[in-house]
N, C-alpha and C. Protein backbone atom coordinates (compact mmCIF):
# COMPACT_ATOMS: atom_id res chain seq x y z
N MET A 1 14.12 -18.30 -15.28
CA MET A 1 13.11 -17.79 -14.42
C MET A 1 12.84 -16.22 -14.75
N LYS A 2 11.43 -16.05 -14.97
CA LYS A 2 11.16 -14.61 -15.25
C LYS A 2 11.30 -13.85 -13.91
N GLU A 3 11.22 -12.54 -14.21
CA GLU A 3 11.56 -11.68 -13.10
C GLU A 3 10.15 -11.07 -12.66
N LYS A 4 9.78 -11.19 -11.38
CA LYS A 4 8.85 -10.83 -10.78
C LYS A 4 8.45 -9.30 -10.83
N PRO A 5 7.10 -8.56 -11.32
CA PRO A 5 7.25 -7.04 -11.51
C PRO A 5 7.48 -6.39 -10.09
N VAL A 6 8.05 -5.35 -9.92
CA VAL A 6 8.12 -4.73 -8.74
C VAL A 6 6.97 -3.62 -8.80
N VAL A 7 6.42 -3.59 -7.59
CA VAL A 7 4.84 -3.15 -7.89
C VAL A 7 5.05 -1.80 -6.24
N TYR A 8 4.71 -0.70 -6.61
CA TYR A 8 4.61 0.26 -5.83
C TYR A 8 3.11 0.48 -5.21
N LEU A 9 3.21 0.26 -3.90
CA LEU A 9 1.58 0.46 -3.42
C LEU A 9 1.35 1.86 -2.82
N ALA A 10 0.57 2.41 -3.29
CA ALA A 10 -0.07 3.68 -2.45
C ALA A 10 -1.59 3.22 -1.82
N SER A 11 -1.60 3.95 -0.80
CA SER A 11 -3.05 3.72 -0.28
C SER A 11 -3.10 4.93 0.75
N PRO A 12 -4.27 5.47 1.33
CA PRO A 12 -4.44 6.49 2.13
C PRO A 12 -3.47 6.26 3.26
N TYR A 13 -3.02 7.49 3.77
CA TYR A 13 -2.07 7.35 4.98
C TYR A 13 -2.61 8.26 6.11
N ARG A 14 -2.69 9.55 5.69
CA ARG A 14 -3.24 10.62 6.91
C ARG A 14 -4.81 10.52 7.09
N GLY A 15 -4.58 11.14 8.35
CA GLY A 15 -6.13 10.91 8.76
C GLY A 15 -6.42 9.88 9.88
N ALA A 16 -7.02 8.66 9.53
CA ALA A 16 -7.11 7.74 10.45
C ALA A 16 -5.94 6.68 10.26
N LYS A 17 -5.03 7.31 10.85
CA LYS A 17 -3.45 6.65 10.89
C LYS A 17 -3.47 5.42 11.30
N ALA A 18 -4.09 5.06 12.18
CA ALA A 18 -4.00 3.43 12.65
C ALA A 18 -4.65 2.40 11.64
N GLN A 19 -5.82 3.05 11.36
CA GLN A 19 -6.64 2.01 10.45
C GLN A 19 -5.82 2.31 9.10
N ASN A 20 -5.50 3.20 8.66
CA ASN A 20 -4.80 3.23 7.24
C ASN A 20 -3.59 2.54 7.14
N GLU A 21 -2.87 2.55 8.17
CA GLU A 21 -1.73 1.87 8.23
C GLU A 21 -2.04 0.14 8.38
N ALA A 22 -3.05 -0.15 9.00
CA ALA A 22 -3.75 -1.44 9.05
C ALA A 22 -3.93 -2.02 7.39
N PHE A 23 -4.85 -1.04 6.97
CA PHE A 23 -4.97 -1.43 5.59
C PHE A 23 -3.84 -1.44 4.84
N ALA A 24 -2.69 -0.70 4.62
CA ALA A 24 -1.66 -0.84 4.13
C ALA A 24 -1.12 -2.09 4.18
N ARG A 25 -1.01 -2.64 5.48
CA ARG A 25 -0.32 -4.04 5.62
C ARG A 25 -1.10 -5.04 5.11
N LEU A 26 -2.41 -4.96 4.80
CA LEU A 26 -3.27 -5.82 4.16
C LEU A 26 -2.97 -5.75 2.72
N ALA A 27 -2.86 -4.57 2.12
CA ALA A 27 -2.44 -4.33 0.89
C ALA A 27 -1.09 -4.70 0.56
N LEU A 28 -0.02 -4.66 1.28
CA LEU A 28 1.26 -5.33 1.08
C LEU A 28 0.99 -6.90 1.08
N ALA A 29 0.39 -7.68 1.82
CA ALA A 29 0.07 -8.82 2.10
C ALA A 29 -0.66 -9.32 1.05
N TYR A 30 -1.47 -8.79 0.63
CA TYR A 30 -2.22 -8.96 -0.73
C TYR A 30 -1.38 -9.05 -2.11
N ALA A 31 -0.39 -8.08 -2.38
CA ALA A 31 0.47 -7.66 -3.02
C ALA A 31 1.29 -9.22 -3.19
N ILE A 32 1.86 -9.59 -2.28
CA ILE A 32 2.84 -10.54 -1.78
C ILE A 32 2.32 -12.04 -2.36
N GLN A 33 0.78 -11.87 -2.06
CA GLN A 33 -0.23 -13.24 -2.62
C GLN A 33 -0.17 -13.06 -4.00
N SER A 34 -0.14 -11.76 -4.38
CA SER A 34 -0.14 -11.89 -6.02
C SER A 34 0.95 -12.12 -6.79
N GLY A 35 2.10 -12.50 -6.11
CA GLY A 35 3.23 -12.88 -6.83
C GLY A 35 4.04 -11.74 -7.38
N VAL A 36 3.81 -10.36 -6.79
CA VAL A 36 4.83 -9.41 -7.23
C VAL A 36 5.75 -9.28 -6.15
N VAL A 37 6.82 -8.26 -6.45
CA VAL A 37 7.57 -8.15 -5.23
C VAL A 37 6.96 -6.21 -4.94
N PRO A 38 6.42 -6.13 -3.85
CA PRO A 38 5.77 -4.93 -3.48
C PRO A 38 6.61 -4.12 -2.67
N VAL A 39 6.70 -2.53 -2.89
CA VAL A 39 7.08 -1.76 -1.99
C VAL A 39 6.02 -0.87 -1.53
N ALA A 40 5.99 -0.66 -0.33
CA ALA A 40 4.98 0.32 0.51
C ALA A 40 5.91 1.64 1.32
N PRO A 41 6.42 2.28 0.40
CA PRO A 41 7.27 3.39 1.12
C PRO A 41 6.43 4.18 2.23
N HIS A 42 5.18 4.22 2.19
CA HIS A 42 4.24 4.99 3.30
C HIS A 42 4.15 4.02 4.78
N LEU A 43 4.72 2.88 4.55
CA LEU A 43 4.82 1.99 5.81
C LEU A 43 6.14 2.10 6.19
N LEU A 44 7.43 2.62 5.34
CA LEU A 44 8.65 2.44 5.80
C LEU A 44 9.00 3.78 6.07
N TYR A 45 8.93 4.90 5.34
CA TYR A 45 9.34 6.22 5.84
C TYR A 45 9.09 6.70 7.01
N PRO A 46 7.64 6.66 7.23
CA PRO A 46 7.11 7.44 8.69
C PRO A 46 7.94 6.75 9.72
N GLN A 47 8.41 5.68 9.60
CA GLN A 47 9.11 5.07 10.87
C GLN A 47 10.46 6.04 11.32
N VAL A 48 11.01 6.77 10.20
CA VAL A 48 11.83 7.51 10.55
C VAL A 48 11.98 9.20 10.65
N LEU A 49 10.76 9.54 9.29
CA LEU A 49 10.24 10.84 9.15
C LEU A 49 9.05 10.98 9.80
N LYS A 50 8.93 12.52 10.37
CA LYS A 50 7.79 12.90 11.13
C LYS A 50 6.80 13.39 10.06
N GLU A 51 5.74 12.58 9.94
CA GLU A 51 4.75 13.05 8.91
C GLU A 51 3.99 14.41 9.10
N HIS A 52 4.13 14.83 10.72
CA HIS A 52 3.53 16.32 10.85
C HIS A 52 4.68 17.49 10.71
N LYS A 53 5.85 17.25 10.24
CA LYS A 53 6.69 18.38 10.11
C LYS A 53 6.64 18.20 8.51
N ALA A 54 6.45 19.57 8.04
CA ALA A 54 6.18 19.40 6.45
C ALA A 54 7.44 18.99 5.78
N LYS A 55 8.67 19.73 6.29
CA LYS A 55 9.98 19.24 5.57
C LYS A 55 9.98 17.70 5.57
N GLU A 56 10.00 17.17 6.61
CA GLU A 56 9.99 15.57 6.47
C GLU A 56 9.11 15.03 5.73
N ARG A 57 7.94 15.30 5.79
CA ARG A 57 6.79 14.79 5.02
C ARG A 57 7.39 14.91 3.48
N ALA A 58 7.55 16.12 3.10
CA ALA A 58 8.07 16.44 1.77
C ALA A 58 9.25 15.34 1.41
N MET A 59 10.32 15.48 2.15
CA MET A 59 11.37 14.41 2.11
C MET A 59 10.91 13.02 1.77
N GLY A 60 9.89 12.49 2.61
CA GLY A 60 9.28 11.28 2.43
C GLY A 60 8.45 10.94 0.95
N MET A 61 7.83 12.02 0.77
CA MET A 61 7.37 12.04 -0.63
C MET A 61 8.15 11.99 -1.74
N GLU A 62 9.50 12.78 -1.71
CA GLU A 62 10.24 12.70 -2.66
C GLU A 62 11.10 11.44 -2.70
N LEU A 63 11.36 10.92 -1.86
CA LEU A 63 12.09 9.68 -1.56
C LEU A 63 11.23 8.34 -2.15
N GLY A 64 9.75 8.69 -1.98
CA GLY A 64 8.77 7.62 -2.61
C GLY A 64 8.51 7.94 -4.13
N VAL A 65 8.72 9.03 -4.42
CA VAL A 65 8.89 9.14 -6.32
C VAL A 65 9.98 8.79 -6.68
N SER A 66 11.26 8.71 -6.02
CA SER A 66 12.30 8.30 -6.76
C SER A 66 12.09 6.88 -6.83
N LEU A 67 11.50 6.02 -5.80
CA LEU A 67 11.36 4.62 -5.80
C LEU A 67 10.62 4.41 -6.99
N LEU A 68 9.27 5.10 -6.89
CA LEU A 68 8.26 4.79 -7.71
C LEU A 68 8.62 4.60 -9.25
N LYS A 69 9.85 5.52 -9.74
CA LYS A 69 10.17 5.75 -11.03
C LYS A 69 11.21 4.28 -11.28
N ARG A 70 11.37 3.37 -10.19
CA ARG A 70 12.30 2.53 -10.38
C ARG A 70 11.29 0.95 -10.48
N CYS A 71 9.92 1.24 -10.39
CA CYS A 71 8.79 0.06 -10.36
C CYS A 71 8.27 -0.10 -11.79
N ASP A 72 7.64 -1.08 -11.85
CA ASP A 72 7.24 -1.45 -12.83
C ASP A 72 5.52 -1.25 -13.13
N GLU A 73 4.89 -1.11 -11.92
CA GLU A 73 3.49 -0.68 -11.59
C GLU A 73 3.34 0.05 -10.44
N LEU A 74 2.07 0.68 -10.60
CA LEU A 74 1.58 1.47 -9.28
C LEU A 74 0.43 1.00 -9.19
N TRP A 75 -0.03 0.53 -7.69
CA TRP A 75 -1.21 -0.05 -7.51
C TRP A 75 -1.65 0.91 -6.75
N LEU A 76 -2.48 1.54 -6.75
CA LEU A 76 -4.10 2.47 -6.06
C LEU A 76 -4.47 1.37 -5.44
N CYS A 77 -4.44 1.42 -3.93
CA CYS A 77 -5.21 0.51 -3.11
C CYS A 77 -6.23 1.19 -2.43
N GLY A 78 -7.72 0.77 -2.33
CA GLY A 78 -8.51 1.25 -1.61
C GLY A 78 -9.50 1.87 -2.31
N ASN A 79 -10.43 2.51 -1.81
CA ASN A 79 -11.60 3.12 -2.66
C ASN A 79 -11.33 4.20 -2.61
N GLU A 80 -10.57 4.99 -2.00
CA GLU A 80 -10.23 6.57 -2.09
C GLU A 80 -8.89 6.90 -2.74
N VAL A 81 -8.84 7.97 -3.45
CA VAL A 81 -7.35 8.30 -3.87
C VAL A 81 -7.08 9.79 -3.15
N SER A 82 -6.12 9.75 -2.24
CA SER A 82 -5.71 10.61 -1.62
C SER A 82 -4.92 11.79 -2.23
N LEU A 83 -4.61 12.76 -1.95
CA LEU A 83 -4.11 13.79 -2.41
C LEU A 83 -2.42 13.35 -2.76
N GLY A 84 -1.83 12.72 -1.92
CA GLY A 84 -0.56 11.81 -1.93
C GLY A 84 -0.62 10.96 -3.29
N MET A 85 -1.70 9.83 -2.87
CA MET A 85 -1.93 9.07 -3.90
C MET A 85 -2.16 9.62 -5.29
N GLU A 86 -2.74 10.68 -5.37
CA GLU A 86 -3.13 11.27 -6.81
C GLU A 86 -1.84 11.96 -7.64
N MET A 87 -0.73 12.36 -6.65
CA MET A 87 0.42 12.99 -7.06
C MET A 87 1.23 11.63 -7.64
N GLU A 88 1.21 10.53 -7.08
CA GLU A 88 1.88 9.75 -7.28
C GLU A 88 1.43 8.90 -8.54
N ARG A 89 0.06 9.05 -8.56
CA ARG A 89 -0.43 8.54 -10.40
C ARG A 89 -0.12 9.36 -11.11
N GLN A 90 -0.14 10.75 -10.88
CA GLN A 90 0.49 11.48 -12.06
C GLN A 90 2.16 11.42 -12.29
N GLU A 91 2.88 11.03 -11.32
CA GLU A 91 4.05 10.96 -11.52
C GLU A 91 4.40 9.55 -12.55
N ALA A 92 3.54 8.56 -12.12
CA ALA A 92 3.49 7.23 -12.74
C ALA A 92 3.05 7.28 -14.44
N LEU A 93 2.43 7.93 -14.65
CA LEU A 93 1.69 8.42 -15.90
C LEU A 93 2.76 9.07 -16.61
N LYS A 94 3.42 10.16 -15.97
CA LYS A 94 4.40 10.80 -16.63
C LYS A 94 5.56 9.83 -17.30
N ALA A 95 6.01 8.74 -16.33
CA ALA A 95 7.33 8.08 -16.19
C ALA A 95 6.60 6.61 -17.06
N GLY A 96 5.72 6.75 -17.50
CA GLY A 96 4.87 5.52 -18.23
C GLY A 96 4.79 4.09 -17.57
N ILE A 97 4.42 4.20 -16.30
CA ILE A 97 4.45 3.24 -15.40
C ILE A 97 2.78 2.69 -15.61
N LEU A 98 2.88 1.38 -15.34
CA LEU A 98 1.15 0.86 -15.42
C LEU A 98 0.68 1.22 -14.06
N VAL A 99 -0.65 1.94 -14.23
CA VAL A 99 -1.14 2.19 -12.74
C VAL A 99 -2.65 1.29 -13.27
N ARG A 100 -2.64 0.41 -11.77
CA ARG A 100 -3.74 -0.14 -11.71
C ARG A 100 -4.56 0.08 -10.32
N LYS A 101 -5.86 -0.16 -10.27
CA LYS A 101 -6.78 0.22 -9.15
C LYS A 101 -7.23 -0.77 -8.51
N ILE A 102 -6.82 -1.06 -7.14
CA ILE A 102 -7.06 -2.26 -6.62
C ILE A 102 -7.98 -1.80 -5.47
N SER A 103 -9.34 -2.41 -5.46
CA SER A 103 -10.50 -2.01 -4.58
C SER A 103 -10.08 -2.52 -3.19
N ALA A 104 -10.70 -2.03 -2.06
CA ALA A 104 -10.72 -2.42 -0.80
C ALA A 104 -11.30 -3.81 -0.75
N GLU A 105 -12.46 -3.97 -1.56
CA GLU A 105 -13.08 -5.24 -1.33
C GLU A 105 -12.34 -6.32 -2.01
N GLU A 106 -11.48 -5.91 -3.02
CA GLU A 106 -10.84 -6.89 -3.69
C GLU A 106 -9.76 -7.65 -2.55
N ILE A 107 -9.01 -6.60 -1.91
CA ILE A 107 -8.07 -6.78 -0.73
C ILE A 107 -8.92 -7.74 0.31
N TYR A 108 -9.98 -7.07 0.86
CA TYR A 108 -10.53 -7.77 1.67
C TYR A 108 -11.10 -9.17 1.41
N ARG A 109 -11.60 -9.26 0.58
CA ARG A 109 -11.92 -11.04 0.12
C ARG A 109 -11.04 -12.02 -0.24
N VAL A 110 -9.59 -11.59 -0.05
CA VAL A 110 -8.51 -12.38 0.09
C VAL A 110 -8.34 -12.90 1.17
N PHE A 111 -8.86 -11.91 2.21
CA PHE A 111 -8.72 -12.33 3.67
C PHE A 111 -10.02 -12.78 4.43
N LEU A 112 -11.02 -12.29 4.22
CA LEU A 112 -12.04 -12.38 4.92
C LEU A 112 -12.53 -13.79 5.07
N PRO A 113 -12.57 -14.81 4.16
CA PRO A 113 -12.68 -16.07 4.32
C PRO A 113 -11.79 -16.62 5.52
N ASP A 114 -10.58 -16.47 5.76
CA ASP A 114 -9.55 -16.86 6.37
C ASP A 114 -9.94 -16.32 7.83
N GLU A 115 -10.29 -15.04 7.98
CA GLU A 115 -10.67 -14.30 9.12
C GLU A 115 -11.70 -15.03 9.99
N ILE A 116 -12.87 -15.36 9.05
CA ILE A 116 -14.20 -15.96 9.78
C ILE A 116 -13.52 -17.20 10.02
N HIS A 117 -12.87 -18.10 9.10
CA HIS A 117 -12.78 -19.30 10.04
C HIS A 117 -11.79 -19.19 11.04
N GLN A 118 -10.50 -18.37 11.17
CA GLN A 118 -9.95 -18.26 12.47
C GLN A 118 -10.57 -17.85 13.55
N ARG A 119 -11.57 -17.08 13.14
CA ARG A 119 -12.46 -16.40 14.56
C ARG A 119 -13.12 -17.53 15.13
N GLU A 120 -13.54 -18.52 14.02
CA GLU A 120 -14.51 -19.65 14.74
C GLU A 120 -13.68 -20.59 15.58
N MET A 121 -12.39 -20.58 14.90
CA MET A 121 -11.41 -21.73 15.49
C MET A 121 -10.56 -21.04 16.96
N GLY A 122 -10.94 -19.83 16.98
CA GLY A 122 -10.36 -19.29 18.42
C GLY A 122 -9.01 -18.58 18.13
N GLY A 123 -8.46 -18.52 16.98
CA GLY A 123 -7.52 -18.08 16.52
C GLY A 123 -7.15 -16.72 15.80
N GLN A 124 -6.52 -16.18 15.67
CA GLN A 124 -6.37 -14.95 14.83
C GLN A 124 -5.36 -14.78 13.37
N ASN A 125 -5.74 -13.88 12.64
CA ASN A 125 -5.15 -14.26 11.38
C ASN A 125 -4.42 -12.53 10.97
N VAL A 126 -4.09 -12.38 9.84
CA VAL A 126 -3.72 -11.11 9.37
C VAL A 126 -4.56 -10.02 9.79
N LEU A 127 -5.62 -10.41 9.36
CA LEU A 127 -6.81 -9.22 9.20
C LEU A 127 -7.05 -8.65 10.61
N GLU A 128 -7.26 -9.66 11.69
CA GLU A 128 -7.45 -9.41 12.84
C GLU A 128 -6.20 -8.60 13.67
N GLN A 129 -5.05 -9.01 13.22
CA GLN A 129 -3.91 -8.78 13.87
C GLN A 129 -3.71 -7.11 13.41
N SER A 130 -4.03 -6.88 11.99
CA SER A 130 -3.84 -5.49 11.44
C SER A 130 -4.53 -4.60 12.12
N LEU A 131 -5.84 -4.85 12.51
CA LEU A 131 -6.56 -3.97 12.87
C LEU A 131 -6.66 -3.39 14.38
């Protein structure tokens, strides 16, 4: 059996934090449905490191880069590339890691038909629960 590629997911985090976290969860679900083994450190490390403390943010970024170097691919998810994502892209290029851009529309396209169906049926799905 062929090993699934390990994919580092990057998407905007700072700013509209709740919205960005919801989008990152959708990107994670999209990656899982794509058949890869995704990692999303920006959903993990902020659970224990304070984003607003420069030292802890730097530690989280350093841990993320270390993890990135062990991945097969970097997926830049969404329609914008933040400063942190650009730094991750540069690190991936230096390490010879494949970089792919996955638009927000591509990610939403996977969930939108189901979301409409679920709303019509009175239920909720991943998209509604994430937002």
